[in-house]
Amino acid sequence: MNRLCRTGLLAALFGTIALTSVAAVAADAASVVIDGKTVALTDSYAYIGFDPTGTGAVHGRCAVVVLSDGALDKAALNAAIDPWDELRKQQNPKVHTVVVLRLLDPQTVMIDMFDDQPLHHGENEPSAVFTLAQNSAQHVTGAYVSKHPAAEQKKGNFAWNLHFDVDIARTLSDAAAPKALTNPETSDAAPPPPPPPSPPPPGKKK
C-alpha cells in the first residue's frame, strides 16, 4: 500500500472514531444530581407544544424538550394527542426520571422534573446558566447548567447538567391546546348573552 493510500485510510479511520466519540458524548451529556446521586439522562425527544404562561412568540406555542433516563417510545409520543400525558404512561423500570424543558424565549426556560412524584417545577434560576443556540421549527440546541454544581448539591438542591441537541419530531395540533390558546384573539371577549326566558306554563299569566 502506498503512502497516499495509507494516509487516506488512517484519516478516514480516525475521522470515524472521532465522529463516534462525539455522538457518544452527546448522547450521555445530560444529567441531574438528585439527593447526591447523579442520574444520566440518555434519551431525548422534542416537539412544538403550547406555552402554559401564554407568552409564546407564535400563538402560545414553544419548543418542548424531553430528557429521560431510559429509552422513550417515540412512536407512542408521536401518536399521542398530548405527549405530556403519554410520558407518565411510559414510566417503568427503564424510564424513571423525566425532565421536561419548555423553551419560552432565548432567556427563559420552564423546567419540570418528575419520577414517581413531581420533583421540580419552575423557570430558570440565577444559580444556573441557560443557553439556547438554536430554536427553530426543525431543531433545538441548548443547555441549562448549574454554575456551582457541588455547592448546589450541598444545599440539597438539584445540580443541573442538561444539554440537548435534538430534532423536532412534531407540532401539536390546535385540538391539544387549551381553549384560550386556540383562539388567543378572542380569549378575553365578553361572554355571550344569556338565553331568553322560558315561556310560562299553559294556564298561567305572565
N, C-alpha and C. Protein backbone atom coordinates (compact mmCIF):
# COMPACT_ATOMS: atom_id res chain seq x y z
N MET A 1 0.86 -1.19 0.00
CA MET A 1 0.00 0.00 0.00
C MET A 1 0.89 1.24 0.00
N ASN A 2 0.64 2.16 -0.94
CA ASN A 2 1.49 3.35 -0.99
C ASN A 2 1.14 4.32 0.12
N ARG A 3 2.05 5.33 0.29
CA ARG A 3 1.90 6.26 1.41
C ARG A 3 0.60 7.06 1.31
N LEU A 4 0.20 7.45 0.09
CA LEU A 4 -1.00 8.25 -0.08
C LEU A 4 -2.24 7.49 0.36
N CYS A 5 -2.32 6.21 -0.07
CA CYS A 5 -3.49 5.41 0.29
C CYS A 5 -3.52 5.17 1.80
N ARG A 6 -2.33 4.89 2.38
CA ARG A 6 -2.27 4.63 3.80
C ARG A 6 -2.69 5.86 4.60
N THR A 7 -2.25 7.04 4.14
CA THR A 7 -2.62 8.28 4.82
C THR A 7 -4.12 8.51 4.76
N GLY A 8 -4.72 8.26 3.57
CA GLY A 8 -6.16 8.44 3.41
C GLY A 8 -6.94 7.48 4.28
N LEU A 9 -6.46 6.22 4.37
CA LEU A 9 -7.14 5.23 5.18
C LEU A 9 -7.11 5.60 6.66
N LEU A 10 -5.93 6.05 7.13
CA LEU A 10 -5.82 6.45 8.53
C LEU A 10 -6.70 7.65 8.85
N ALA A 11 -6.76 8.61 7.90
CA ALA A 11 -7.59 9.80 8.11
C ALA A 11 -9.05 9.41 8.22
N ALA A 12 -9.48 8.51 7.33
CA ALA A 12 -10.88 8.07 7.37
C ALA A 12 -11.17 7.32 8.66
N LEU A 13 -10.21 6.47 9.09
CA LEU A 13 -10.41 5.69 10.30
C LEU A 13 -10.53 6.59 11.52
N PHE A 14 -9.60 7.53 11.67
CA PHE A 14 -9.64 8.41 12.83
C PHE A 14 -10.83 9.36 12.76
N GLY A 15 -11.23 9.73 11.54
CA GLY A 15 -12.41 10.58 11.41
C GLY A 15 -13.65 9.87 11.90
N THR A 16 -13.76 8.55 11.55
CA THR A 16 -14.90 7.76 12.00
C THR A 16 -14.90 7.63 13.52
N ILE A 17 -13.70 7.38 14.09
CA ILE A 17 -13.60 7.26 15.55
C ILE A 17 -14.00 8.56 16.22
N ALA A 18 -13.56 9.68 15.65
CA ALA A 18 -13.88 10.98 16.24
C ALA A 18 -15.37 11.24 16.22
N LEU A 19 -16.02 10.94 15.08
CA LEU A 19 -17.46 11.16 14.98
C LEU A 19 -18.21 10.28 15.96
N THR A 20 -17.77 9.01 16.10
CA THR A 20 -18.41 8.09 17.03
C THR A 20 -18.27 8.60 18.46
N SER A 21 -17.10 9.11 18.80
CA SER A 21 -16.87 9.62 20.14
C SER A 21 -17.75 10.83 20.42
N VAL A 22 -17.86 11.73 19.43
CA VAL A 22 -18.71 12.91 19.61
C VAL A 22 -20.15 12.50 19.83
N ALA A 23 -20.63 11.52 19.05
CA ALA A 23 -22.00 11.06 19.19
C ALA A 23 -22.23 10.46 20.57
N ALA A 24 -21.26 9.67 21.06
CA ALA A 24 -21.40 9.05 22.37
C ALA A 24 -21.44 10.10 23.46
N VAL A 25 -20.59 11.10 23.36
CA VAL A 25 -20.58 12.16 24.36
C VAL A 25 -21.89 12.93 24.34
N ALA A 26 -22.38 13.23 23.12
CA ALA A 26 -23.63 13.98 23.01
C ALA A 26 -24.79 13.22 23.64
N ALA A 27 -24.82 11.89 23.43
CA ALA A 27 -25.91 11.09 23.94
C ALA A 27 -25.90 11.03 25.47
N ASP A 28 -24.71 11.11 26.08
CA ASP A 28 -24.58 10.96 27.52
C ASP A 28 -24.33 12.29 28.22
N ALA A 29 -24.53 13.41 27.53
CA ALA A 29 -24.12 14.70 28.08
C ALA A 29 -25.07 15.21 29.14
N ALA A 30 -26.33 14.80 29.14
CA ALA A 30 -27.30 15.34 30.08
C ALA A 30 -27.36 14.50 31.35
N SER A 31 -27.45 15.20 32.48
CA SER A 31 -27.59 14.52 33.77
C SER A 31 -28.13 15.51 34.79
N VAL A 32 -28.58 14.96 35.91
CA VAL A 32 -29.03 15.79 37.02
C VAL A 32 -28.67 15.07 38.31
N VAL A 33 -28.27 15.84 39.33
CA VAL A 33 -27.95 15.27 40.63
C VAL A 33 -29.15 15.43 41.54
N ILE A 34 -29.66 14.30 42.05
CA ILE A 34 -30.82 14.28 42.94
C ILE A 34 -30.41 13.60 44.23
N ASP A 35 -30.48 14.31 45.33
CA ASP A 35 -30.10 13.75 46.63
C ASP A 35 -28.71 13.15 46.60
N GLY A 36 -27.80 13.83 45.92
CA GLY A 36 -26.41 13.38 45.87
C GLY A 36 -26.13 12.29 44.85
N LYS A 37 -27.14 11.84 44.14
CA LYS A 37 -26.96 10.79 43.15
C LYS A 37 -27.10 11.36 41.75
N THR A 38 -26.12 11.06 40.89
CA THR A 38 -26.17 11.54 39.51
C THR A 38 -27.02 10.61 38.67
N VAL A 39 -28.02 11.18 38.02
CA VAL A 39 -28.90 10.43 37.12
C VAL A 39 -28.57 10.83 35.69
N ALA A 40 -28.10 9.88 34.90
CA ALA A 40 -27.80 10.15 33.50
C ALA A 40 -29.08 10.15 32.68
N LEU A 41 -29.27 11.20 31.88
CA LEU A 41 -30.45 11.33 31.02
C LEU A 41 -30.02 10.98 29.61
N THR A 42 -30.30 9.77 29.19
CA THR A 42 -29.69 9.20 27.99
C THR A 42 -30.55 9.26 26.74
N ASP A 43 -31.81 9.66 26.87
CA ASP A 43 -32.65 9.74 25.67
C ASP A 43 -33.33 11.10 25.64
N SER A 44 -33.74 11.51 24.44
CA SER A 44 -34.35 12.84 24.28
C SER A 44 -35.42 12.81 23.21
N TYR A 45 -36.31 13.79 23.29
CA TYR A 45 -37.42 13.92 22.35
C TYR A 45 -37.85 15.38 22.39
N ALA A 46 -38.26 15.93 21.27
CA ALA A 46 -38.67 17.33 21.24
C ALA A 46 -39.87 17.51 20.31
N TYR A 47 -40.72 18.47 20.67
CA TYR A 47 -41.89 18.77 19.85
C TYR A 47 -42.27 20.24 20.07
N ILE A 48 -43.10 20.75 19.19
CA ILE A 48 -43.64 22.10 19.37
C ILE A 48 -44.98 21.96 20.09
N GLY A 49 -45.00 22.45 21.33
CA GLY A 49 -46.20 22.36 22.15
C GLY A 49 -46.75 23.74 22.47
N PHE A 50 -47.38 23.85 23.62
CA PHE A 50 -48.03 25.11 24.00
C PHE A 50 -47.38 25.69 25.24
N ASP A 51 -47.21 26.99 25.20
CA ASP A 51 -46.61 27.73 26.30
C ASP A 51 -47.65 27.94 27.40
N PRO A 52 -47.49 27.31 28.55
CA PRO A 52 -48.52 27.44 29.60
C PRO A 52 -48.62 28.84 30.18
N THR A 53 -47.61 29.67 29.99
CA THR A 53 -47.68 31.04 30.51
C THR A 53 -48.40 31.97 29.54
N GLY A 54 -48.65 31.51 28.31
CA GLY A 54 -49.35 32.35 27.34
C GLY A 54 -48.50 33.44 26.73
N THR A 55 -47.16 33.32 26.84
CA THR A 55 -46.29 34.37 26.32
C THR A 55 -45.46 33.90 25.13
N GLY A 56 -45.82 32.77 24.53
CA GLY A 56 -45.06 32.27 23.39
C GLY A 56 -45.08 33.24 22.22
N ALA A 57 -44.06 33.17 21.39
CA ALA A 57 -43.93 34.14 20.30
C ALA A 57 -44.99 33.92 19.22
N VAL A 58 -45.41 32.66 19.00
CA VAL A 58 -46.34 32.37 17.92
C VAL A 58 -47.53 31.59 18.48
N HIS A 59 -48.67 32.30 18.66
CA HIS A 59 -49.92 31.66 19.07
C HIS A 59 -49.76 30.78 20.30
N GLY A 60 -48.98 31.22 21.27
CA GLY A 60 -48.85 30.46 22.50
C GLY A 60 -48.08 29.17 22.39
N ARG A 61 -47.27 29.02 21.35
CA ARG A 61 -46.51 27.79 21.16
C ARG A 61 -45.05 27.98 21.57
N CYS A 62 -44.42 26.86 21.92
CA CYS A 62 -42.99 26.89 22.21
C CYS A 62 -42.43 25.49 22.03
N ALA A 63 -41.12 25.39 21.85
CA ALA A 63 -40.47 24.09 21.75
C ALA A 63 -40.42 23.44 23.13
N VAL A 64 -40.65 22.14 23.17
CA VAL A 64 -40.61 21.36 24.41
C VAL A 64 -39.60 20.24 24.24
N VAL A 65 -38.64 20.17 25.15
CA VAL A 65 -37.59 19.14 25.09
C VAL A 65 -37.78 18.19 26.27
N VAL A 66 -37.75 16.89 25.97
CA VAL A 66 -37.89 15.85 26.99
C VAL A 66 -36.57 15.10 27.11
N LEU A 67 -36.06 14.98 28.33
CA LEU A 67 -34.86 14.19 28.61
C LEU A 67 -35.24 13.11 29.61
N SER A 68 -34.79 11.88 29.38
CA SER A 68 -35.18 10.78 30.27
C SER A 68 -33.99 9.86 30.54
N ASP A 69 -34.12 9.09 31.61
CA ASP A 69 -33.05 8.17 31.99
C ASP A 69 -33.20 6.79 31.37
N GLY A 70 -34.09 6.66 30.39
CA GLY A 70 -34.28 5.40 29.67
C GLY A 70 -34.86 5.67 28.30
N ALA A 71 -34.96 4.62 27.50
CA ALA A 71 -35.42 4.77 26.12
C ALA A 71 -36.91 5.11 26.09
N LEU A 72 -37.25 6.17 25.38
CA LEU A 72 -38.63 6.59 25.21
C LEU A 72 -39.26 5.89 24.01
N ASP A 73 -40.55 5.67 24.10
CA ASP A 73 -41.30 5.13 22.96
C ASP A 73 -41.70 6.31 22.08
N LYS A 74 -40.88 6.61 21.08
CA LYS A 74 -41.10 7.80 20.25
C LYS A 74 -42.37 7.66 19.40
N ALA A 75 -42.67 6.45 18.95
CA ALA A 75 -43.87 6.26 18.13
C ALA A 75 -45.13 6.59 18.93
N ALA A 76 -45.15 6.18 20.20
CA ALA A 76 -46.31 6.47 21.05
C ALA A 76 -46.40 7.96 21.34
N LEU A 77 -45.25 8.62 21.53
CA LEU A 77 -45.26 10.06 21.77
C LEU A 77 -45.76 10.81 20.54
N ASN A 78 -45.38 10.35 19.37
CA ASN A 78 -45.84 10.98 18.13
C ASN A 78 -47.34 10.78 17.91
N ALA A 79 -47.86 9.66 18.37
CA ALA A 79 -49.28 9.35 18.15
C ALA A 79 -50.19 9.99 19.19
N ALA A 80 -49.64 10.36 20.33
CA ALA A 80 -50.47 10.90 21.42
C ALA A 80 -50.99 12.29 21.09
N ILE A 81 -52.20 12.60 21.55
CA ILE A 81 -52.73 13.95 21.37
C ILE A 81 -51.83 14.95 22.09
N ASP A 82 -51.44 14.60 23.31
CA ASP A 82 -50.52 15.44 24.08
C ASP A 82 -49.42 14.54 24.65
N PRO A 83 -48.17 14.71 24.22
CA PRO A 83 -47.08 13.86 24.72
C PRO A 83 -46.92 13.89 26.24
N TRP A 84 -47.33 14.99 26.88
CA TRP A 84 -47.19 15.08 28.34
C TRP A 84 -47.90 13.94 29.03
N ASP A 85 -49.13 13.65 28.61
CA ASP A 85 -49.88 12.55 29.22
C ASP A 85 -49.22 11.21 28.92
N GLU A 86 -48.71 11.06 27.72
CA GLU A 86 -48.07 9.81 27.32
C GLU A 86 -46.80 9.56 28.11
N LEU A 87 -46.07 10.63 28.46
CA LEU A 87 -44.82 10.45 29.23
C LEU A 87 -45.08 9.76 30.55
N ARG A 88 -46.15 10.13 31.24
CA ARG A 88 -46.44 9.49 32.53
C ARG A 88 -46.77 8.01 32.34
N LYS A 89 -47.37 7.67 31.22
CA LYS A 89 -47.69 6.27 30.96
C LYS A 89 -46.43 5.44 30.69
N GLN A 90 -45.38 6.11 30.19
CA GLN A 90 -44.17 5.38 29.81
C GLN A 90 -43.21 5.16 30.98
N GLN A 91 -43.55 5.68 32.15
CA GLN A 91 -42.68 5.45 33.30
C GLN A 91 -42.74 3.99 33.70
N ASN A 92 -41.58 3.37 33.76
CA ASN A 92 -41.44 1.96 34.09
C ASN A 92 -40.03 1.76 34.62
N PRO A 93 -39.61 0.53 34.92
CA PRO A 93 -38.24 0.34 35.43
C PRO A 93 -37.15 0.89 34.50
N LYS A 94 -37.44 1.01 33.20
CA LYS A 94 -36.44 1.53 32.26
C LYS A 94 -36.48 3.05 32.15
N VAL A 95 -37.66 3.63 32.32
CA VAL A 95 -37.81 5.09 32.30
C VAL A 95 -38.38 5.51 33.64
N HIS A 96 -37.54 6.16 34.45
CA HIS A 96 -37.97 6.53 35.81
C HIS A 96 -37.98 8.04 35.99
N THR A 97 -36.85 8.69 35.66
CA THR A 97 -36.73 10.13 35.84
C THR A 97 -36.89 10.84 34.50
N VAL A 98 -37.74 11.85 34.47
CA VAL A 98 -38.02 12.60 33.24
C VAL A 98 -37.89 14.09 33.53
N VAL A 99 -37.17 14.80 32.66
CA VAL A 99 -37.05 16.25 32.75
C VAL A 99 -37.67 16.84 31.49
N VAL A 100 -38.55 17.82 31.65
CA VAL A 100 -39.21 18.47 30.52
C VAL A 100 -38.84 19.95 30.55
N LEU A 101 -38.29 20.44 29.45
CA LEU A 101 -37.91 21.85 29.35
C LEU A 101 -38.78 22.53 28.29
N ARG A 102 -39.48 23.58 28.69
CA ARG A 102 -40.24 24.39 27.74
C ARG A 102 -39.44 25.65 27.44
N LEU A 103 -39.05 25.80 26.19
CA LEU A 103 -38.19 26.91 25.80
C LEU A 103 -39.06 28.12 25.49
N LEU A 104 -39.32 28.94 26.49
CA LEU A 104 -40.27 30.04 26.35
C LEU A 104 -39.73 31.17 25.49
N ASP A 105 -38.44 31.50 25.67
CA ASP A 105 -37.78 32.51 24.85
C ASP A 105 -36.27 32.33 25.04
N PRO A 106 -35.43 33.10 24.35
CA PRO A 106 -33.97 32.87 24.45
C PRO A 106 -33.40 33.02 25.86
N GLN A 107 -34.14 33.65 26.77
CA GLN A 107 -33.64 33.84 28.13
C GLN A 107 -34.39 33.01 29.17
N THR A 108 -35.48 32.38 28.78
CA THR A 108 -36.36 31.75 29.77
C THR A 108 -36.69 30.31 29.40
N VAL A 109 -36.51 29.41 30.36
CA VAL A 109 -36.90 28.02 30.20
C VAL A 109 -37.70 27.61 31.43
N MET A 110 -38.80 26.90 31.21
CA MET A 110 -39.58 26.35 32.31
C MET A 110 -39.23 24.87 32.43
N ILE A 111 -38.91 24.44 33.64
CA ILE A 111 -38.41 23.08 33.86
C ILE A 111 -39.36 22.32 34.76
N ASP A 112 -39.74 21.12 34.33
CA ASP A 112 -40.47 20.18 35.16
C ASP A 112 -39.67 18.90 35.26
N MET A 113 -39.57 18.36 36.45
CA MET A 113 -38.89 17.07 36.63
C MET A 113 -39.74 16.19 37.54
N PHE A 114 -39.87 14.93 37.17
CA PHE A 114 -40.65 14.01 37.98
C PHE A 114 -40.10 12.61 37.85
N ASP A 115 -40.30 11.82 38.90
CA ASP A 115 -40.08 10.38 38.82
C ASP A 115 -41.39 9.74 39.29
N ASP A 116 -41.39 9.11 40.44
CA ASP A 116 -42.66 8.59 40.95
C ASP A 116 -43.60 9.71 41.39
N GLN A 117 -43.02 10.89 41.62
CA GLN A 117 -43.80 12.04 42.04
C GLN A 117 -43.15 13.30 41.47
N PRO A 118 -43.87 14.41 41.45
CA PRO A 118 -43.25 15.66 40.97
C PRO A 118 -42.07 16.05 41.86
N LEU A 119 -40.95 16.44 41.22
CA LEU A 119 -39.74 16.82 41.95
C LEU A 119 -39.42 18.30 41.83
N HIS A 120 -39.78 18.90 40.69
CA HIS A 120 -39.41 20.30 40.48
C HIS A 120 -40.31 20.91 39.42
N HIS A 121 -40.66 22.19 39.65
CA HIS A 121 -41.40 22.96 38.65
C HIS A 121 -41.01 24.42 38.82
N GLY A 122 -40.57 25.05 37.75
CA GLY A 122 -40.22 26.46 37.83
C GLY A 122 -39.39 26.91 36.65
N GLU A 123 -39.21 28.22 36.55
CA GLU A 123 -38.38 28.78 35.49
C GLU A 123 -36.92 28.80 35.93
N ASN A 124 -36.03 29.07 34.96
CA ASN A 124 -34.60 29.05 35.25
C ASN A 124 -34.26 30.02 36.39
N GLU A 125 -33.24 29.63 37.17
CA GLU A 125 -32.85 30.37 38.35
C GLU A 125 -31.47 31.00 38.16
N PRO A 126 -31.12 32.02 38.96
CA PRO A 126 -29.80 32.66 38.83
C PRO A 126 -28.64 31.71 39.10
N SER A 127 -28.90 30.60 39.78
CA SER A 127 -27.82 29.67 40.11
C SER A 127 -27.42 28.78 38.94
N ALA A 128 -28.09 28.92 37.80
CA ALA A 128 -27.77 28.12 36.61
C ALA A 128 -27.76 29.02 35.38
N VAL A 129 -27.09 28.53 34.34
CA VAL A 129 -26.97 29.29 33.09
C VAL A 129 -27.78 28.58 32.01
N PHE A 130 -28.67 29.33 31.37
CA PHE A 130 -29.46 28.81 30.26
C PHE A 130 -28.95 29.40 28.95
N THR A 131 -28.63 28.54 28.00
CA THR A 131 -28.19 28.98 26.68
C THR A 131 -29.04 28.28 25.63
N LEU A 132 -29.41 29.03 24.61
CA LEU A 132 -30.22 28.50 23.53
C LEU A 132 -29.54 28.85 22.22
N ALA A 133 -28.80 27.89 21.67
CA ALA A 133 -28.02 28.13 20.46
C ALA A 133 -28.87 28.06 19.20
N GLN A 134 -29.87 27.18 19.20
CA GLN A 134 -30.75 27.05 18.04
C GLN A 134 -32.15 26.73 18.52
N ASN A 135 -33.13 27.43 17.96
CA ASN A 135 -34.53 27.20 18.33
C ASN A 135 -35.39 27.45 17.10
N SER A 136 -35.55 26.41 16.29
CA SER A 136 -36.32 26.52 15.07
C SER A 136 -37.43 25.48 15.07
N ALA A 137 -38.23 25.49 14.02
CA ALA A 137 -39.31 24.51 13.91
C ALA A 137 -38.78 23.12 13.58
N GLN A 138 -37.48 23.02 13.28
CA GLN A 138 -36.91 21.73 12.91
C GLN A 138 -35.92 21.18 13.94
N HIS A 139 -35.27 22.06 14.72
CA HIS A 139 -34.19 21.58 15.59
C HIS A 139 -33.99 22.56 16.75
N VAL A 140 -33.61 22.01 17.91
CA VAL A 140 -33.29 22.84 19.07
C VAL A 140 -31.97 22.38 19.68
N THR A 141 -31.15 23.34 20.07
CA THR A 141 -29.87 23.07 20.70
C THR A 141 -29.66 24.05 21.84
N GLY A 142 -29.24 23.55 22.99
CA GLY A 142 -29.00 24.45 24.11
C GLY A 142 -28.58 23.69 25.34
N ALA A 143 -28.57 24.39 26.48
CA ALA A 143 -28.13 23.78 27.73
C ALA A 143 -28.67 24.57 28.91
N TYR A 144 -28.80 23.88 30.02
CA TYR A 144 -29.14 24.50 31.31
C TYR A 144 -28.22 23.85 32.35
N VAL A 145 -27.26 24.60 32.84
CA VAL A 145 -26.18 24.03 33.65
C VAL A 145 -26.00 24.85 34.92
N SER A 146 -25.92 24.17 36.06
CA SER A 146 -25.67 24.84 37.33
C SER A 146 -24.29 25.49 37.32
N LYS A 147 -24.20 26.70 37.88
CA LYS A 147 -22.92 27.39 37.93
C LYS A 147 -21.95 26.72 38.90
N HIS A 148 -22.48 26.25 40.03
CA HIS A 148 -21.64 25.62 41.06
C HIS A 148 -22.31 24.32 41.50
N PRO A 149 -22.18 23.27 40.69
CA PRO A 149 -22.90 22.02 40.98
C PRO A 149 -22.60 21.43 42.35
N ALA A 150 -21.33 21.53 42.80
CA ALA A 150 -21.01 20.98 44.12
C ALA A 150 -21.73 21.72 45.22
N ALA A 151 -21.79 23.05 45.12
CA ALA A 151 -22.48 23.85 46.12
C ALA A 151 -23.98 23.58 46.11
N GLU A 152 -24.54 23.45 44.92
CA GLU A 152 -25.97 23.16 44.82
C GLU A 152 -26.29 21.83 45.48
N GLN A 153 -25.40 20.87 45.31
CA GLN A 153 -25.61 19.55 45.87
C GLN A 153 -25.60 19.63 47.40
N LYS A 154 -24.66 20.40 47.96
CA LYS A 154 -24.55 20.51 49.41
C LYS A 154 -25.79 21.16 50.01
N LYS A 155 -26.39 22.10 49.26
CA LYS A 155 -27.56 22.79 49.77
C LYS A 155 -28.83 21.94 49.66
N GLY A 156 -28.70 20.77 49.08
CA GLY A 156 -29.85 19.90 48.94
C GLY A 156 -30.69 20.22 47.73
N ASN A 157 -30.22 21.13 46.88
CA ASN A 157 -30.94 21.44 45.64
C ASN A 157 -30.52 20.49 44.54
N PHE A 158 -31.08 20.68 43.36
CA PHE A 158 -30.70 19.86 42.22
C PHE A 158 -29.53 20.51 41.50
N ALA A 159 -28.58 19.70 41.08
CA ALA A 159 -27.47 20.20 40.26
C ALA A 159 -27.77 19.80 38.82
N TRP A 160 -27.96 20.81 37.97
CA TRP A 160 -28.39 20.56 36.59
C TRP A 160 -27.19 20.49 35.65
N ASN A 161 -27.23 19.54 34.74
CA ASN A 161 -26.26 19.46 33.64
C ASN A 161 -27.04 18.98 32.41
N LEU A 162 -27.92 19.86 31.95
CA LEU A 162 -28.86 19.50 30.90
C LEU A 162 -28.40 20.06 29.56
N HIS A 163 -27.99 19.18 28.68
CA HIS A 163 -27.60 19.56 27.32
C HIS A 163 -28.55 18.86 26.35
N PHE A 164 -28.98 19.59 25.33
CA PHE A 164 -29.88 18.98 24.34
C PHE A 164 -29.50 19.46 22.94
N ASP A 165 -29.65 18.55 22.01
CA ASP A 165 -29.35 18.80 20.59
C ASP A 165 -30.21 17.82 19.81
N VAL A 166 -31.45 18.20 19.52
CA VAL A 166 -32.44 17.22 19.08
C VAL A 166 -33.35 17.81 18.01
N ASP A 167 -33.77 16.96 17.08
CA ASP A 167 -34.72 17.36 16.04
C ASP A 167 -36.13 17.46 16.62
N ILE A 168 -36.91 18.36 16.04
CA ILE A 168 -38.33 18.48 16.42
C ILE A 168 -39.10 17.35 15.73
N ALA A 169 -39.78 16.53 16.52
CA ALA A 169 -40.48 15.38 15.97
C ALA A 169 -41.84 15.73 15.40
N ARG A 170 -42.52 16.71 16.00
CA ARG A 170 -43.88 17.03 15.58
C ARG A 170 -44.30 18.37 16.14
N THR A 171 -45.41 18.90 15.60
CA THR A 171 -46.06 20.10 16.13
C THR A 171 -47.47 19.73 16.54
N LEU A 172 -47.83 20.02 17.78
CA LEU A 172 -49.15 19.65 18.25
C LEU A 172 -50.23 20.43 17.51
N SER A 173 -51.34 19.76 17.27
CA SER A 173 -52.47 20.41 16.60
C SER A 173 -53.21 21.28 17.60
N ASP A 174 -54.05 22.19 17.09
CA ASP A 174 -54.83 23.05 17.95
C ASP A 174 -55.78 22.26 18.84
N ALA A 175 -56.10 21.02 18.45
CA ALA A 175 -57.01 20.21 19.25
C ALA A 175 -56.42 19.90 20.63
N ALA A 176 -55.09 19.95 20.73
CA ALA A 176 -54.44 19.66 22.02
C ALA A 176 -54.27 20.89 22.88
N ALA A 177 -54.67 22.06 22.38
CA ALA A 177 -54.41 23.31 23.10
C ALA A 177 -55.56 23.66 24.03
N PRO A 178 -55.26 24.33 25.15
CA PRO A 178 -56.34 24.91 25.95
C PRO A 178 -57.13 25.91 25.12
N LYS A 179 -58.39 26.12 25.44
CA LYS A 179 -59.25 26.97 24.61
C LYS A 179 -58.70 28.38 24.44
N ALA A 180 -58.15 28.94 25.53
CA ALA A 180 -57.65 30.31 25.45
C ALA A 180 -56.46 30.44 24.52
N LEU A 181 -55.70 29.34 24.35
CA LEU A 181 -54.56 29.39 23.45
C LEU A 181 -54.97 29.10 22.01
N THR A 182 -56.07 28.36 21.84
CA THR A 182 -56.52 28.05 20.48
C THR A 182 -56.96 29.31 19.76
N ASN A 183 -57.66 30.20 20.48
CA ASN A 183 -58.12 31.45 19.90
C ASN A 183 -57.67 32.61 20.78
N PRO A 184 -56.38 32.95 20.75
CA PRO A 184 -55.89 33.98 21.68
C PRO A 184 -56.52 35.34 21.44
N GLU A 185 -56.94 35.64 20.20
CA GLU A 185 -57.51 36.95 19.92
C GLU A 185 -58.86 37.15 20.61
N THR A 186 -59.59 36.07 20.85
CA THR A 186 -60.93 36.18 21.40
C THR A 186 -61.03 35.64 22.82
N SER A 187 -59.89 35.28 23.43
CA SER A 187 -59.96 34.66 24.74
C SER A 187 -60.48 35.62 25.81
N ASP A 188 -60.35 36.95 25.58
CA ASP A 188 -60.82 37.92 26.55
C ASP A 188 -62.15 38.56 26.14
N ALA A 189 -62.81 37.99 25.16
CA ALA A 189 -64.05 38.57 24.67
C ALA A 189 -65.15 38.45 25.73
N ALA A 190 -66.15 39.31 25.61
CA ALA A 190 -67.26 39.26 26.56
C ALA A 190 -68.05 37.97 26.39
N PRO A 191 -68.62 37.44 27.48
CA PRO A 191 -69.38 36.19 27.37
C PRO A 191 -70.64 36.40 26.53
N PRO A 192 -71.18 35.36 25.93
CA PRO A 192 -72.40 35.51 25.13
C PRO A 192 -73.57 35.88 26.01
N PRO A 193 -74.61 36.54 25.43
CA PRO A 193 -75.78 36.93 26.23
C PRO A 193 -76.52 35.70 26.73
N PRO A 194 -77.24 35.82 27.85
CA PRO A 194 -77.98 34.66 28.39
C PRO A 194 -79.13 34.31 27.45
N PRO A 195 -79.57 33.05 27.50
CA PRO A 195 -80.71 32.66 26.64
C PRO A 195 -81.99 33.35 27.09
N PRO A 196 -82.96 33.51 26.19
CA PRO A 196 -84.24 34.16 26.57
C PRO A 196 -84.97 33.31 27.60
N PRO A 197 -85.80 33.94 28.44
CA PRO A 197 -86.53 33.17 29.46
C PRO A 197 -87.53 32.21 28.83
N SER A 198 -87.76 31.13 29.53
CA SER A 198 -88.71 30.12 29.03
C SER A 198 -90.13 30.66 29.10
N PRO A 199 -91.01 30.29 28.18
CA PRO A 199 -92.41 30.75 28.24
C PRO A 199 -93.11 30.18 29.47
N PRO A 200 -94.10 30.89 30.00
CA PRO A 200 -94.80 30.39 31.19
C PRO A 200 -95.60 29.13 30.86
N PRO A 201 -95.87 28.29 31.86
CA PRO A 201 -96.67 27.09 31.62
C PRO A 201 -98.07 27.46 31.16
N PRO A 202 -98.75 26.59 30.42
CA PRO A 202 -100.12 26.88 29.97
C PRO A 202 -101.06 27.14 31.13
N GLY A 203 -101.95 28.11 30.99
CA GLY A 203 -102.94 28.43 32.02
C GLY A 203 -102.46 29.44 33.02
N LYS A 204 -101.20 29.86 32.93
CA LYS A 204 -100.68 30.86 33.86
C LYS A 204 -100.38 32.14 33.10
N LYS A 205 -100.69 33.26 33.79
CA LYS A 205 -100.40 34.54 33.18
C LYS A 205 -98.92 34.88 33.35
N LYS A 206 -98.46 35.72 32.43
CA LYS A 206 -97.08 36.18 32.53
C LYS A 206 -96.89 37.06 33.74
